[in-house]
Amino acid sequence: MKVLGIESSCDDTGIAIFDTNAGLLAHRLASQTIHKKYGGVVPELAARDHIRTVLPLIENVLEDAGLNGDELDGIAFTQGPGLAGALLVGASLGQSLSFGWNIPSIGVHHMEGHLLAPMLEENAPEFPFVALLVSGGHSQLVDVAGPGQYKILGTTLDDAVGEAFDKAAKLLDLGYPGGPAIAQRAKTGTPDRFTFPRPMTNRPGLDFSFSGLKTYTLTTAEKCRSEDGTIDDQTVDDIAHAFQEAATHTLMIKSIRALKSAGRKRLVIAGGVGANRRLRELLAEQCNAAGFDLFYPRIEFCTDNGAMIAYAGALRLAAGEFLEGHRFDVRPRWSLEELIAIQ
C-alpha cells in the first residue's frame, strides 16, 4: 500500500510517500522562515504559506518516487492537534485528492506521527515502550502498549519545553526558533557559573512545568545587564548553557522515573526538542547505566515531517480505517488517549 502523507499542523509543510512493502519512497519538507521577524509563529501567515507550498511539494515527491497520483493507494493528512487554519489546508487538499483519485483517506494524530517516527529507522523499537514527546507545543510522557494504545503518564502544566526554549532565546535576543539558538550558544557557555532549578524533580510525579525556569532565566538576565541594557556575549552563552542544562536534566530525570514507574525497558524520544544533542547525551548515559534501551528518529524526522504522517496513516489504512465521505474537519485539540488501537 502506497500512502501519501501531508503534514501542515504548524509552520512546516511536509510531504512523503510510504510504501508498506518497500518503506519510505520519498519525502520533502519546506520550513517557513517568515515567522522569524515576529519571534514566533503567526497562524494566518502559516496557513497562507502552506497554501503556496503544498501542491508543488506533492508534485515533487510524486516525481521523486516515480509515481503518478492514480498509483497511490491512500492519503493521510494531519487532522490535529495544531493550528486550525494550517490544519485545514492539509485536510481540505487531502480530501480533495482522495475524491479526485478515488482512494481512501485518513486523518492522523500529529503526536502519534511523532511517536511512531522511530519505526522508520532500521533499528526500530519493539512495543511496549515509554515515549518522551517534546516539541514547541507538547511535553508528554506516554506509556505505549502497542499502536494506538496510549496512556499519558505526565504532561506539562504550562509551557511546553520547546516553547520555553523559544521564550528563553527571546529574553536573550537570540531570535527564533529558540531551540537551535540556545543549543549553539550553550556550547561555549561556562559550566557552573549559573545553576538553574530543575522544575518539579524534587517531588513525586511525572508532570512538567517550565514557566518557573523561564522566569528564573529572565531574572538572571536582568541582573546581568549593564547600564545600557546589554548583556556581554560570554554571559549570554553562560545563561544559555545553564538553561539548557536545567531543561534537559529535567526531561531526563522524569523520563527515567517514567520507565521505572511503567515497568518498561525501552524509551523513545520524539518531537523537535528530541534533536537536542545534550538531551540525547544525558538520556544515553542514564539509560546505559540503568539497562534501558534508547530509540529516536533521525534528526530530520524529529521536527514535523510528512514521513511520520504517511507511516502512521499507512498503519491505520492497512488496518481498515478510513474517513467516510469527504469531510475535512480538524481537531486543534486532541488527546492521544482518544485514539483507538490499531489491530
C-alpha atoms as a PDB file:
ATOM      1  CA  MET A   1       0.000   0.000   0.000  1.00  0.00           C
ATOM      2  CA  LYS A   2       1.447   3.357  -1.115  1.00  0.00           C
ATOM      3  CA  VAL A   3       0.277   6.272   1.055  1.00  0.00           C
ATOM      4  CA  LEU A   4       0.800   9.987   0.537  1.00  0.00           C
ATOM      5  CA  GLY A   5       1.351  11.863   3.812  1.00  0.00           C
ATOM      6  CA  ILE A   6       0.566  15.582   4.256  1.00  0.00           C
ATOM      7  CA  GLU A   7       1.778  17.433   7.360  1.00  0.00           C
ATOM      8  CA  SER A   8       0.629  21.045   7.860  1.00  0.00           C
ATOM      9  CA  SER A   9      -0.035  21.422  11.583  1.00  0.00           C
ATOM     10  CA  CYS A  10       2.186  24.448  12.231  1.00  0.00           C
ATOM     11  CA  ASP A  11       4.985  26.105  10.252  1.00  0.00           C
ATOM     12  CA  ASP A  12       6.451  23.155   8.306  1.00  0.00           C
ATOM     13  CA  THR A  13       4.916  21.711   5.148  1.00  0.00           C
ATOM     14  CA  GLY A  14       5.907  18.050   4.959  1.00  0.00           C
ATOM     15  CA  ILE A  15       5.049  15.637   2.137  1.00  0.00           C
ATOM     16  CA  ALA A  16       6.074  11.980   1.844  1.00  0.00           C
ATOM     17  CA  ILE A  17       5.114   8.660   0.301  1.00  0.00           C
ATOM     18  CA  PHE A  18       5.367   5.496   2.384  1.00  0.00           C
ATOM     19  CA  ASP A  19       5.002   2.014   0.933  1.00  0.00           C
ATOM     20  CA  THR A  20       4.038  -0.725   3.405  1.00  0.00           C
ATOM     21  CA  ASN A  21       6.170  -3.156   1.380  1.00  0.00           C
ATOM     22  CA  ALA A  22       9.137  -1.042   0.289  1.00  0.00           C
ATOM     23  CA  GLY A  23       9.296   1.548   3.070  1.00  0.00           C
ATOM     24  CA  LEU A  24       9.764   5.293   2.637  1.00  0.00           C
ATOM     25  CA  LEU A  25       9.875   6.140  -1.083  1.00  0.00           C
ATOM     26  CA  ALA A  26      10.320   9.916  -0.995  1.00  0.00           C
ATOM     27  CA  HIS A  27       9.900  12.911   1.290  1.00  0.00           C
ATOM     28  CA  ARG A  28      10.335  16.657   1.191  1.00  0.00           C
ATOM     29  CA  LEU A  29       9.973  19.479   3.707  1.00  0.00           C
ATOM     30  CA  ALA A  30       9.500  23.229   3.391  1.00  0.00           C
ATOM     31  CA  SER A  31      10.158  25.184   6.605  1.00  0.00           C
ATOM     32  CA  GLN A  32       8.686  28.659   6.872  1.00  0.00           C
ATOM     33  CA  THR A  33      11.117  31.475   7.656  1.00  0.00           C
ATOM     34  CA  ILE A  34       8.657  34.377   7.640  1.00  0.00           C
ATOM     35  CA  HIS A  35       7.931  33.960  11.360  1.00  0.00           C
ATOM     36  CA  LYS A  36      11.478  34.821  12.487  1.00  0.00           C
ATOM     37  CA  LYS A  37      10.883  38.552  12.447  1.00  0.00           C
ATOM     38  CA  TYR A  38       7.836  38.100  14.706  1.00  0.00           C
ATOM     39  CA  GLY A  39       9.592  35.888  17.250  1.00  0.00           C
ATOM     40  CA  GLY A  40       7.004  33.114  16.904  1.00  0.00           C
ATOM     41  CA  VAL A  41       4.523  31.501  14.559  1.00  0.00           C
ATOM     42  CA  VAL A  42       1.773  33.762  13.168  1.00  0.00           C
ATOM     43  CA  PRO A  43      -1.138  31.375  12.434  1.00  0.00           C
ATOM     44  CA  GLU A  44      -2.616  33.255   9.463  1.00  0.00           C
ATOM     45  CA  LEU A  45       0.767  33.588   7.762  1.00  0.00           C
ATOM     46  CA  ALA A  46       1.456  29.912   8.387  1.00  0.00           C
ATOM     47  CA  ALA A  47      -1.779  28.863   6.687  1.00  0.00           C
ATOM     48  CA  ARG A  48      -1.126  31.100   3.679  1.00  0.00           C
ATOM     49  CA  ASP A  49       2.370  29.692   3.244  1.00  0.00           C
ATOM     50  CA  HIS A  50       1.035  26.115   3.340  1.00  0.00           C
ATOM     51  CA  ILE A  51      -1.375  27.042   0.530  1.00  0.00           C
ATOM     52  CA  ARG A  52       1.512  28.288  -1.630  1.00  0.00           C
ATOM     53  CA  THR A  53       3.795  25.356  -0.884  1.00  0.00           C
ATOM     54  CA  VAL A  54       1.816  22.149  -0.538  1.00  0.00           C
ATOM     55  CA  LEU A  55       0.851  21.381  -4.158  1.00  0.00           C
ATOM     56  CA  PRO A  56       4.342  21.943  -5.632  1.00  0.00           C
ATOM     57  CA  LEU A  57       5.777  19.727  -2.873  1.00  0.00           C
ATOM     58  CA  ILE A  58       3.306  16.941  -3.683  1.00  0.00           C
ATOM     59  CA  GLU A  59       4.277  17.146  -7.358  1.00  0.00           C
ATOM     60  CA  ASN A  60       7.969  16.996  -6.418  1.00  0.00           C
ATOM     61  CA  VAL A  61       7.522  13.992  -4.128  1.00  0.00           C
ATOM     62  CA  LEU A  62       5.500  12.092  -6.728  1.00  0.00           C
ATOM     63  CA  GLU A  63       8.262  12.770  -9.243  1.00  0.00           C
ATOM     64  CA  ASP A  64      10.932  11.688  -6.733  1.00  0.00           C
ATOM     65  CA  ALA A  65       9.073   8.407  -6.156  1.00  0.00           C
ATOM     66  CA  GLY A  66       8.433   7.864  -9.867  1.00  0.00           C
ATOM     67  CA  LEU A  67       4.683   7.687  -9.334  1.00  0.00           C
ATOM     68  CA  ASN A  68       1.508   9.251 -10.638  1.00  0.00           C
ATOM     69  CA  GLY A  69      -1.299  10.187  -8.295  1.00  0.00           C
ATOM     70  CA  ASP A  70      -3.529   7.386  -9.567  1.00  0.00           C
ATOM     71  CA  GLU A  71      -0.883   4.865  -8.483  1.00  0.00           C
ATOM     72  CA  LEU A  72      -1.354   5.759  -4.824  1.00  0.00           C
ATOM     73  CA  ASP A  73      -3.500   3.609  -2.530  1.00  0.00           C
ATOM     74  CA  GLY A  74      -4.351   6.165   0.160  1.00  0.00           C
ATOM     75  CA  ILE A  75      -3.835   9.646   1.577  1.00  0.00           C
ATOM     76  CA  ALA A  76      -3.028  10.584   5.171  1.00  0.00           C
ATOM     77  CA  PHE A  77      -3.180  14.140   6.461  1.00  0.00           C
ATOM     78  CA  THR A  78      -2.622  15.674   9.878  1.00  0.00           C
ATOM     79  CA  GLN A  79      -6.052  16.210  11.416  1.00  0.00           C
ATOM     80  CA  GLY A  80      -4.776  17.603  14.717  1.00  0.00           C
ATOM     81  CA  PRO A  81      -3.629  18.856  17.096  1.00  0.00           C
ATOM     82  CA  GLY A  82      -2.203  22.081  15.701  1.00  0.00           C
ATOM     83  CA  LEU A  83      -3.182  25.470  14.290  1.00  0.00           C
ATOM     84  CA  ALA A  84      -6.726  25.291  12.910  1.00  0.00           C
ATOM     85  CA  GLY A  85      -6.041  27.265   9.727  1.00  0.00           C
ATOM     86  CA  ALA A  86      -2.869  25.354   8.932  1.00  0.00           C
ATOM     87  CA  LEU A  87      -4.562  22.011   9.568  1.00  0.00           C
ATOM     88  CA  LEU A  88      -7.443  22.954   7.262  1.00  0.00           C
ATOM     89  CA  VAL A  89      -5.052  23.453   4.348  1.00  0.00           C
ATOM     90  CA  GLY A  90      -3.736  19.895   4.531  1.00  0.00           C
ATOM     91  CA  ALA A  91      -7.119  18.364   5.380  1.00  0.00           C
ATOM     92  CA  SER A  92      -9.028  20.062   2.564  1.00  0.00           C
ATOM     93  CA  LEU A  93      -6.367  19.244  -0.018  1.00  0.00           C
ATOM     94  CA  GLY A  94      -6.004  15.673   1.224  1.00  0.00           C
ATOM     95  CA  GLN A  95      -9.726  15.073   0.944  1.00  0.00           C
ATOM     96  CA  SER A  96      -9.876  16.740  -2.474  1.00  0.00           C
ATOM     97  CA  LEU A  97      -7.132  14.475  -3.810  1.00  0.00           C
ATOM     98  CA  SER A  98      -8.825  11.479  -2.180  1.00  0.00           C
ATOM     99  CA  PHE A  99     -12.001  12.329  -4.092  1.00  0.00           C
ATOM    100  CA  GLY A 100     -10.212  13.055  -7.362  1.00  0.00           C
ATOM    101  CA  TRP A 101      -8.078   9.903  -7.301  1.00  0.00           C
ATOM    102  CA  ASN A 102     -10.864   7.777  -5.776  1.00  0.00           C
ATOM    103  CA  ILE A 103      -8.684   6.436  -2.970  1.00  0.00           C
ATOM    104  CA  PRO A 104      -9.341   6.280   0.795  1.00  0.00           C
ATOM    105  CA  SER A 105      -8.077   8.881   3.244  1.00  0.00           C
ATOM    106  CA  ILE A 106      -7.332   9.007   6.960  1.00  0.00           C
ATOM    107  CA  GLY A 107      -6.817  11.851   9.440  1.00  0.00           C
ATOM    108  CA  VAL A 108      -3.698  11.319  11.546  1.00  0.00           C
ATOM    109  CA  HIS A 109      -2.960  12.491  15.084  1.00  0.00           C
ATOM    110  CA  HIS A 110       0.144  14.671  14.865  1.00  0.00           C
ATOM    111  CA  MET A 111       1.685  13.295  18.061  1.00  0.00           C
ATOM    112  CA  GLU A 112       1.021   9.697  17.038  1.00  0.00           C
ATOM    113  CA  GLY A 113       3.076  10.508  13.965  1.00  0.00           C
ATOM    114  CA  HIS A 114       5.945  11.741  16.143  1.00  0.00           C
ATOM    115  CA  LEU A 115       5.597   8.788  18.496  1.00  0.00           C
ATOM    116  CA  LEU A 116       5.862   6.291  15.614  1.00  0.00           C
ATOM    117  CA  ALA A 117       8.612   8.141  13.698  1.00  0.00           C
ATOM    118  CA  PRO A 118      11.378   5.861  15.107  1.00  0.00           C
ATOM    119  CA  MET A 119       9.656   2.978  13.285  1.00  0.00           C
ATOM    120  CA  LEU A 120      11.066   4.459  10.065  1.00  0.00           C
ATOM    121  CA  GLU A 121      14.576   3.540  11.206  1.00  0.00           C
ATOM    122  CA  GLU A 122      16.365   0.206  10.695  1.00  0.00           C
ATOM    123  CA  ASN A 123      16.817  -0.128  14.448  1.00  0.00           C
ATOM    124  CA  ALA A 124      13.138   0.339  15.290  1.00  0.00           C
ATOM    125  CA  PRO A 125      11.871  -0.224  18.849  1.00  0.00           C
ATOM    126  CA  GLU A 126       9.563  -3.083  19.735  1.00  0.00           C
ATOM    127  CA  PHE A 127       6.394  -2.497  21.719  1.00  0.00           C
ATOM    128  CA  PRO A 128       5.840  -1.750  24.573  1.00  0.00           C
ATOM    129  CA  PHE A 129       7.853   1.360  25.435  1.00  0.00           C
ATOM    130  CA  VAL A 130       7.673   4.781  27.076  1.00  0.00           C
ATOM    131  CA  ALA A 131       7.741   7.783  24.728  1.00  0.00           C
ATOM    132  CA  LEU A 132       9.033  11.236  25.608  1.00  0.00           C
ATOM    133  CA  LEU A 133       7.231  13.639  23.251  1.00  0.00           C
ATOM    134  CA  VAL A 134       8.873  17.047  23.368  1.00  0.00           C
ATOM    135  CA  SER A 135       8.180  19.896  20.957  1.00  0.00           C
ATOM    136  CA  GLY A 136       7.102  23.516  20.802  1.00  0.00           C
ATOM    137  CA  GLY A 137       3.555  22.578  21.751  1.00  0.00           C
ATOM    138  CA  HIS A 138       3.903  19.367  23.754  1.00  0.00           C
ATOM    139  CA  SER A 139       5.844  17.879  26.640  1.00  0.00           C
ATOM    140  CA  GLN A 140       4.442  14.463  27.437  1.00  0.00           C
ATOM    141  CA  LEU A 141       5.469  11.087  28.747  1.00  0.00           C
ATOM    142  CA  VAL A 142       3.347   8.327  27.230  1.00  0.00           C
ATOM    143  CA  ASP A 143       3.143   4.638  28.029  1.00  0.00           C
ATOM    144  CA  VAL A 144       2.825   2.853  24.678  1.00  0.00           C
ATOM    145  CA  ALA A 145       1.490  -0.697  24.966  1.00  0.00           C
ATOM    146  CA  GLY A 146       1.052  -1.017  21.203  1.00  0.00           C
ATOM    147  CA  PRO A 147      -0.011   1.001  18.140  1.00  0.00           C
ATOM    148  CA  GLY A 148      -2.914   3.195  19.203  1.00  0.00           C
ATOM    149  CA  GLN A 149      -2.697   2.032  22.830  1.00  0.00           C
ATOM    150  CA  TYR A 150      -1.532   5.131  24.668  1.00  0.00           C
ATOM    151  CA  LYS A 151      -1.679   6.231  28.282  1.00  0.00           C
ATOM    152  CA  ILE A 152      -0.396   9.682  29.209  1.00  0.00           C
ATOM    153  CA  LEU A 153       1.837   9.392  32.276  1.00  0.00           C
ATOM    154  CA  GLY A 154       2.785  13.042  32.551  1.00  0.00           C
ATOM    155  CA  THR A 155       2.258  16.305  30.708  1.00  0.00           C
ATOM    156  CA  THR A 156       3.194  19.955  31.008  1.00  0.00           C
ATOM    157  CA  LEU A 157       1.174  22.130  33.373  1.00  0.00           C
ATOM    158  CA  ASP A 158       2.104  25.316  31.498  1.00  0.00           C
ATOM    159  CA  ASP A 159       4.721  25.937  28.806  1.00  0.00           C
ATOM    160  CA  ALA A 160       5.914  23.061  26.647  1.00  0.00           C
ATOM    161  CA  VAL A 161       9.687  22.667  26.755  1.00  0.00           C
ATOM    162  CA  GLY A 162      10.097  23.828  23.145  1.00  0.00           C
ATOM    163  CA  GLU A 163       8.087  26.936  23.968  1.00  0.00           C
ATOM    164  CA  ALA A 164      10.334  27.523  26.985  1.00  0.00           C
ATOM    165  CA  PHE A 165      13.408  27.338  24.719  1.00  0.00           C
ATOM    166  CA  ASP A 166      11.812  29.881  22.391  1.00  0.00           C
ATOM    167  CA  LYS A 167      10.990  32.278  25.229  1.00  0.00           C
ATOM    168  CA  ALA A 168      14.431  31.956  26.813  1.00  0.00           C
ATOM    169  CA  ALA A 169      16.022  32.715  23.448  1.00  0.00           C
ATOM    170  CA  LYS A 170      13.812  35.771  23.076  1.00  0.00           C
ATOM    171  CA  LEU A 171      14.858  37.025  26.517  1.00  0.00           C
ATOM    172  CA  LEU A 172      18.491  36.727  25.385  1.00  0.00           C
ATOM    173  CA  ASP A 173      17.826  38.325  21.972  1.00  0.00           C
ATOM    174  CA  LEU A 174      18.825  35.131  20.161  1.00  0.00           C
ATOM    175  CA  GLY A 175      15.938  35.071  17.703  1.00  0.00           C
ATOM    176  CA  TYR A 176      13.507  32.371  16.623  1.00  0.00           C
ATOM    177  CA  PRO A 177      13.382  29.389  16.683  1.00  0.00           C
ATOM    178  CA  GLY A 178      14.919  29.285  20.125  1.00  0.00           C
ATOM    179  CA  GLY A 179      15.950  25.646  20.454  1.00  0.00           C
ATOM    180  CA  PRO A 180      18.832  25.647  17.939  1.00  0.00           C
ATOM    181  CA  ALA A 181      19.910  29.139  19.039  1.00  0.00           C
ATOM    182  CA  ILE A 182      20.132  28.187  22.716  1.00  0.00           C
ATOM    183  CA  ALA A 183      21.930  24.924  21.891  1.00  0.00           C
ATOM    184  CA  GLN A 184      24.507  26.733  19.751  1.00  0.00           C
ATOM    185  CA  ARG A 185      25.310  29.385  22.366  1.00  0.00           C
ATOM    186  CA  ALA A 186      25.369  26.785  25.157  1.00  0.00           C
ATOM    187  CA  LYS A 187      28.363  25.093  23.506  1.00  0.00           C
ATOM    188  CA  THR A 188      30.655  27.918  24.617  1.00  0.00           C
ATOM    189  CA  GLY A 189      28.935  28.552  27.947  1.00  0.00           C
ATOM    190  CA  THR A 190      30.889  28.346  31.189  1.00  0.00           C
ATOM    191  CA  PRO A 191      29.734  25.324  33.226  1.00  0.00           C
ATOM    192  CA  ASP A 192      28.599  26.045  36.765  1.00  0.00           C
ATOM    193  CA  ARG A 193      28.695  29.837  36.513  1.00  0.00           C
ATOM    194  CA  PHE A 194      24.908  29.722  36.843  1.00  0.00           C
ATOM    195  CA  THR A 195      22.829  26.888  38.248  1.00  0.00           C
ATOM    196  CA  PHE A 196      19.174  26.917  37.269  1.00  0.00           C
ATOM    197  CA  PRO A 197      16.476  24.863  39.067  1.00  0.00           C
ATOM    198  CA  ARG A 198      15.210  21.522  37.729  1.00  0.00           C
ATOM    199  CA  PRO A 199      11.441  22.160  37.983  1.00  0.00           C
ATOM    200  CA  MET A 200       9.289  19.627  39.845  1.00  0.00           C
ATOM    201  CA  THR A 201      12.029  17.000  40.085  1.00  0.00           C
ATOM    202  CA  ASN A 202      12.184  17.150  43.885  1.00  0.00           C
ATOM    203  CA  ARG A 203       8.637  15.816  44.266  1.00  0.00           C
ATOM    204  CA  PRO A 204       6.827  12.672  43.096  1.00  0.00           C
ATOM    205  CA  GLY A 205       5.011  12.613  39.778  1.00  0.00           C
ATOM    206  CA  LEU A 206       5.717  12.831  36.064  1.00  0.00           C
ATOM    207  CA  ASP A 207       4.217  16.201  35.108  1.00  0.00           C
ATOM    208  CA  PHE A 208       6.360  19.075  33.835  1.00  0.00           C
ATOM    209  CA  SER A 209       6.381  22.812  34.466  1.00  0.00           C
ATOM    210  CA  PHE A 210       8.738  25.180  32.668  1.00  0.00           C
ATOM    211  CA  SER A 211       7.224  28.608  33.414  1.00  0.00           C
ATOM    212  CA  GLY A 212       9.353  28.981  36.548  1.00  0.00           C
ATOM    213  CA  LEU A 213      12.504  28.166  34.596  1.00  0.00           C
ATOM    214  CA  LYS A 214      11.608  30.890  32.117  1.00  0.00           C
ATOM    215  CA  THR A 215      11.145  33.361  34.987  1.00  0.00           C
ATOM    216  CA  TYR A 216      14.488  32.326  36.509  1.00  0.00           C
ATOM    217  CA  THR A 217      16.128  32.972  33.135  1.00  0.00           C
ATOM    218  CA  LEU A 218      14.534  36.429  32.957  1.00  0.00           C
ATOM    219  CA  THR A 219      15.653  37.320  36.495  1.00  0.00           C
ATOM    220  CA  THR A 220      19.213  36.148  35.849  1.00  0.00           C
ATOM    221  CA  ALA A 221      19.431  38.053  32.569  1.00  0.00           C
ATOM    222  CA  GLU A 222      18.146  41.267  34.153  1.00  0.00           C
ATOM    223  CA  LYS A 223      20.757  41.044  36.915  1.00  0.00           C
ATOM    224  CA  CYS A 224      23.495  40.719  34.290  1.00  0.00           C
ATOM    225  CA  ARG A 225      22.502  43.656  32.104  1.00  0.00           C
ATOM    226  CA  SER A 226      24.830  46.629  32.002  1.00  0.00           C
ATOM    227  CA  GLU A 227      23.662  50.216  32.361  1.00  0.00           C
ATOM    228  CA  ASP A 228      22.915  50.413  28.626  1.00  0.00           C
ATOM    229  CA  GLY A 229      20.684  47.330  28.873  1.00  0.00           C
ATOM    230  CA  THR A 230      23.002  44.905  27.072  1.00  0.00           C
ATOM    231  CA  ILE A 231      24.488  41.570  28.174  1.00  0.00           C
ATOM    232  CA  ASP A 232      28.003  40.621  27.117  1.00  0.00           C
ATOM    233  CA  ASP A 233      28.338  37.651  24.779  1.00  0.00           C
ATOM    234  CA  GLN A 234      30.001  35.330  27.273  1.00  0.00           C
ATOM    235  CA  THR A 235      27.251  35.889  29.829  1.00  0.00           C
ATOM    236  CA  VAL A 236      24.626  35.111  27.168  1.00  0.00           C
ATOM    237  CA  ASP A 237      26.490  31.871  26.459  1.00  0.00           C
ATOM    238  CA  ASP A 238      26.630  31.056  30.174  1.00  0.00           C
ATOM    239  CA  ILE A 239      22.903  31.674  30.697  1.00  0.00           C
ATOM    240  CA  ALA A 240      22.076  29.604  27.600  1.00  0.00           C
ATOM    241  CA  HIS A 241      24.224  26.773  28.963  1.00  0.00           C
ATOM    242  CA  ALA A 242      22.540  26.909  32.368  1.00  0.00           C
ATOM    243  CA  PHE A 243      19.065  26.973  30.826  1.00  0.00           C
ATOM    244  CA  GLN A 244      19.769  24.014  28.553  1.00  0.00           C
ATOM    245  CA  GLU A 245      21.261  22.002  31.406  1.00  0.00           C
ATOM    246  CA  ALA A 246      18.225  22.617  33.582  1.00  0.00           C
ATOM    247  CA  ALA A 247      15.692  21.818  30.848  1.00  0.00           C
ATOM    248  CA  THR A 248      17.413  18.665  29.598  1.00  0.00           C
ATOM    249  CA  HIS A 249      18.183  17.340  33.072  1.00  0.00           C
ATOM    250  CA  THR A 250      14.509  17.799  33.975  1.00  0.00           C
ATOM    251  CA  LEU A 251      13.415  15.798  30.924  1.00  0.00           C
ATOM    252  CA  MET A 252      15.988  13.100  31.663  1.00  0.00           C
ATOM    253  CA  ILE A 253      15.016  12.728  35.328  1.00  0.00           C
ATOM    254  CA  LYS A 254      11.316  12.453  34.516  1.00  0.00           C
ATOM    255  CA  SER A 255      11.936  10.004  31.671  1.00  0.00           C
ATOM    256  CA  ILE A 256      13.933   7.588  33.813  1.00  0.00           C
ATOM    257  CA  ARG A 257      11.290   7.918  36.522  1.00  0.00           C
ATOM    258  CA  ALA A 258       8.562   7.113  33.959  1.00  0.00           C
ATOM    259  CA  LEU A 259      10.386   3.987  32.746  1.00  0.00           C
ATOM    260  CA  LYS A 260      10.633   2.675  36.261  1.00  0.00           C
ATOM    261  CA  SER A 261       7.040   3.612  37.095  1.00  0.00           C
ATOM    262  CA  ALA A 262       5.613   1.922  33.973  1.00  0.00           C
ATOM    263  CA  GLY A 263       7.915  -1.083  34.204  1.00  0.00           C
ATOM    264  CA  ARG A 264       9.213  -0.608  30.651  1.00  0.00           C
ATOM    265  CA  LYS A 265      12.714  -1.217  29.293  1.00  0.00           C
ATOM    266  CA  ARG A 266      12.628   0.936  26.169  1.00  0.00           C
ATOM    267  CA  LEU A 267      12.490   4.726  25.802  1.00  0.00           C
ATOM    268  CA  VAL A 268      11.579   6.567  22.595  1.00  0.00           C
ATOM    269  CA  ILE A 269      12.356  10.279  22.160  1.00  0.00           C
ATOM    270  CA  ALA A 270      10.332  12.167  19.550  1.00  0.00           C
ATOM    271  CA  GLY A 271       9.472  15.741  18.615  1.00  0.00           C
ATOM    272  CA  GLY A 272      11.590  18.736  17.722  1.00  0.00           C
ATOM    273  CA  VAL A 273      13.369  19.022  21.087  1.00  0.00           C
ATOM    274  CA  GLY A 274      14.376  15.382  20.619  1.00  0.00           C
ATOM    275  CA  ALA A 275      17.025  16.711  18.215  1.00  0.00           C
ATOM    276  CA  ASN A 276      18.809  18.463  21.103  1.00  0.00           C
ATOM    277  CA  ARG A 277      22.189  16.741  21.380  1.00  0.00           C
ATOM    278  CA  ARG A 278      22.621  17.471  25.080  1.00  0.00           C
ATOM    279  CA  LEU A 279      19.298  15.782  25.819  1.00  0.00           C
ATOM    280  CA  ARG A 280      20.391  12.751  23.806  1.00  0.00           C
ATOM    281  CA  GLU A 281      23.705  12.595  25.669  1.00  0.00           C
ATOM    282  CA  LEU A 282      22.056  12.702  29.088  1.00  0.00           C
ATOM    283  CA  LEU A 283      19.446  10.097  28.223  1.00  0.00           C
ATOM    284  CA  ALA A 284      22.051   7.799  26.655  1.00  0.00           C
ATOM    285  CA  GLU A 285      24.199   7.993  29.789  1.00  0.00           C
ATOM    286  CA  GLN A 286      21.331   7.274  32.154  1.00  0.00           C
ATOM    287  CA  CYS A 287      19.708   4.584  30.016  1.00  0.00           C
ATOM    288  CA  ASN A 288      23.008   2.761  29.597  1.00  0.00           C
ATOM    289  CA  ALA A 289      23.640   2.920  33.337  1.00  0.00           C
ATOM    290  CA  ALA A 290      20.163   1.607  34.207  1.00  0.00           C
ATOM    291  CA  GLY A 291      19.911  -1.028  31.469  1.00  0.00           C
ATOM    292  CA  PHE A 292      17.275   0.710  29.337  1.00  0.00           C
ATOM    293  CA  ASP A 293      17.276   0.818  25.521  1.00  0.00           C
ATOM    294  CA  LEU A 294      17.014   4.226  23.851  1.00  0.00           C
ATOM    295  CA  PHE A 295      15.488   4.966  20.441  1.00  0.00           C
ATOM    296  CA  TYR A 296      14.877   8.107  18.421  1.00  0.00           C
ATOM    297  CA  PRO A 297      14.295   9.026  14.766  1.00  0.00           C
ATOM    298  CA  ARG A 298      16.987  10.561  12.616  1.00  0.00           C
ATOM    299  CA  ILE A 299      17.379  14.314  13.172  1.00  0.00           C
ATOM    300  CA  GLU A 300      15.328  15.284  10.090  1.00  0.00           C
ATOM    301  CA  PHE A 301      12.363  13.280  11.382  1.00  0.00           C
ATOM    302  CA  CYS A 302      12.413  14.816  14.873  1.00  0.00           C
ATOM    303  CA  THR A 303      10.812  18.007  13.630  1.00  0.00           C
ATOM    304  CA  ASP A 304       7.442  17.992  11.833  1.00  0.00           C
ATOM    305  CA  ASN A 305       7.585  15.984   8.610  1.00  0.00           C
ATOM    306  CA  GLY A 306       5.399  14.168   6.119  1.00  0.00           C
ATOM    307  CA  ALA A 307       7.121  10.785   6.542  1.00  0.00           C
ATOM    308  CA  MET A 308       5.736  10.242  10.033  1.00  0.00           C
ATOM    309  CA  ILE A 309       2.210  11.111   8.848  1.00  0.00           C
ATOM    310  CA  ALA A 310       2.470   8.797   5.843  1.00  0.00           C
ATOM    311  CA  TYR A 311       3.696   5.963   8.071  1.00  0.00           C
ATOM    312  CA  ALA A 312       1.051   6.401  10.787  1.00  0.00           C
ATOM    313  CA  GLY A 313      -1.643   6.790   8.140  1.00  0.00           C
ATOM    314  CA  ALA A 314      -0.476   3.668   6.305  1.00  0.00           C
ATOM    315  CA  LEU A 315      -0.778   1.635   9.505  1.00  0.00           C
ATOM    316  CA  ARG A 316      -4.353   2.742  10.052  1.00  0.00           C
ATOM    317  CA  LEU A 317      -5.408   2.430   6.414  1.00  0.00           C
ATOM    318  CA  ALA A 318      -3.892  -1.075   6.236  1.00  0.00           C
ATOM    319  CA  ALA A 319      -5.927  -1.975   9.350  1.00  0.00           C
ATOM    320  CA  GLY A 320      -9.131  -0.979   7.555  1.00  0.00           C
ATOM    321  CA  GLU A 321      -9.649   2.519   8.957  1.00  0.00           C
ATOM    322  CA  PHE A 322     -10.663   5.351   6.645  1.00  0.00           C
ATOM    323  CA  LEU A 323     -12.763   8.505   6.651  1.00  0.00           C
ATOM    324  CA  GLU A 324     -16.254   8.107   5.251  1.00  0.00           C
ATOM    325  CA  GLY A 325     -17.332  10.715   2.757  1.00  0.00           C
ATOM    326  CA  HIS A 326     -15.022  13.634   2.070  1.00  0.00           C
ATOM    327  CA  ARG A 327     -15.473  15.873   5.080  1.00  0.00           C
ATOM    328  CA  PHE A 328     -12.376  17.659   6.333  1.00  0.00           C
ATOM    329  CA  ASP A 329     -12.956  18.696   9.914  1.00  0.00           C
ATOM    330  CA  VAL A 330      -9.828  19.266  12.003  1.00  0.00           C
ATOM    331  CA  ARG A 331      -9.088  18.893  15.705  1.00  0.00           C
ATOM    332  CA  PRO A 332      -6.777  21.640  17.055  1.00  0.00           C
ATOM    333  CA  ARG A 333      -7.027  19.948  20.491  1.00  0.00           C
ATOM    334  CA  TRP A 334      -6.936  16.152  20.552  1.00  0.00           C
ATOM    335  CA  SER A 335      -5.712  13.768  23.228  1.00  0.00           C
ATOM    336  CA  LEU A 336      -3.660  10.716  22.285  1.00  0.00           C
ATOM    337  CA  GLU A 337      -5.781   8.688  24.675  1.00  0.00           C
ATOM    338  CA  GLU A 338      -8.825   9.197  22.426  1.00  0.00           C
ATOM    339  CA  LEU A 339      -7.288   7.124  19.619  1.00  0.00           C
ATOM    340  CA  ILE A 340      -8.391   3.561  19.032  1.00  0.00           C
ATOM    341  CA  ALA A 341      -5.956   0.649  18.988  1.00  0.00           C
ATOM    342  CA  ILE A 342      -4.616  -0.439  15.597  1.00  0.00           C
ATOM    343  CA  GLN A 343      -5.488  -4.095  15.113  1.00  0.00           C
END
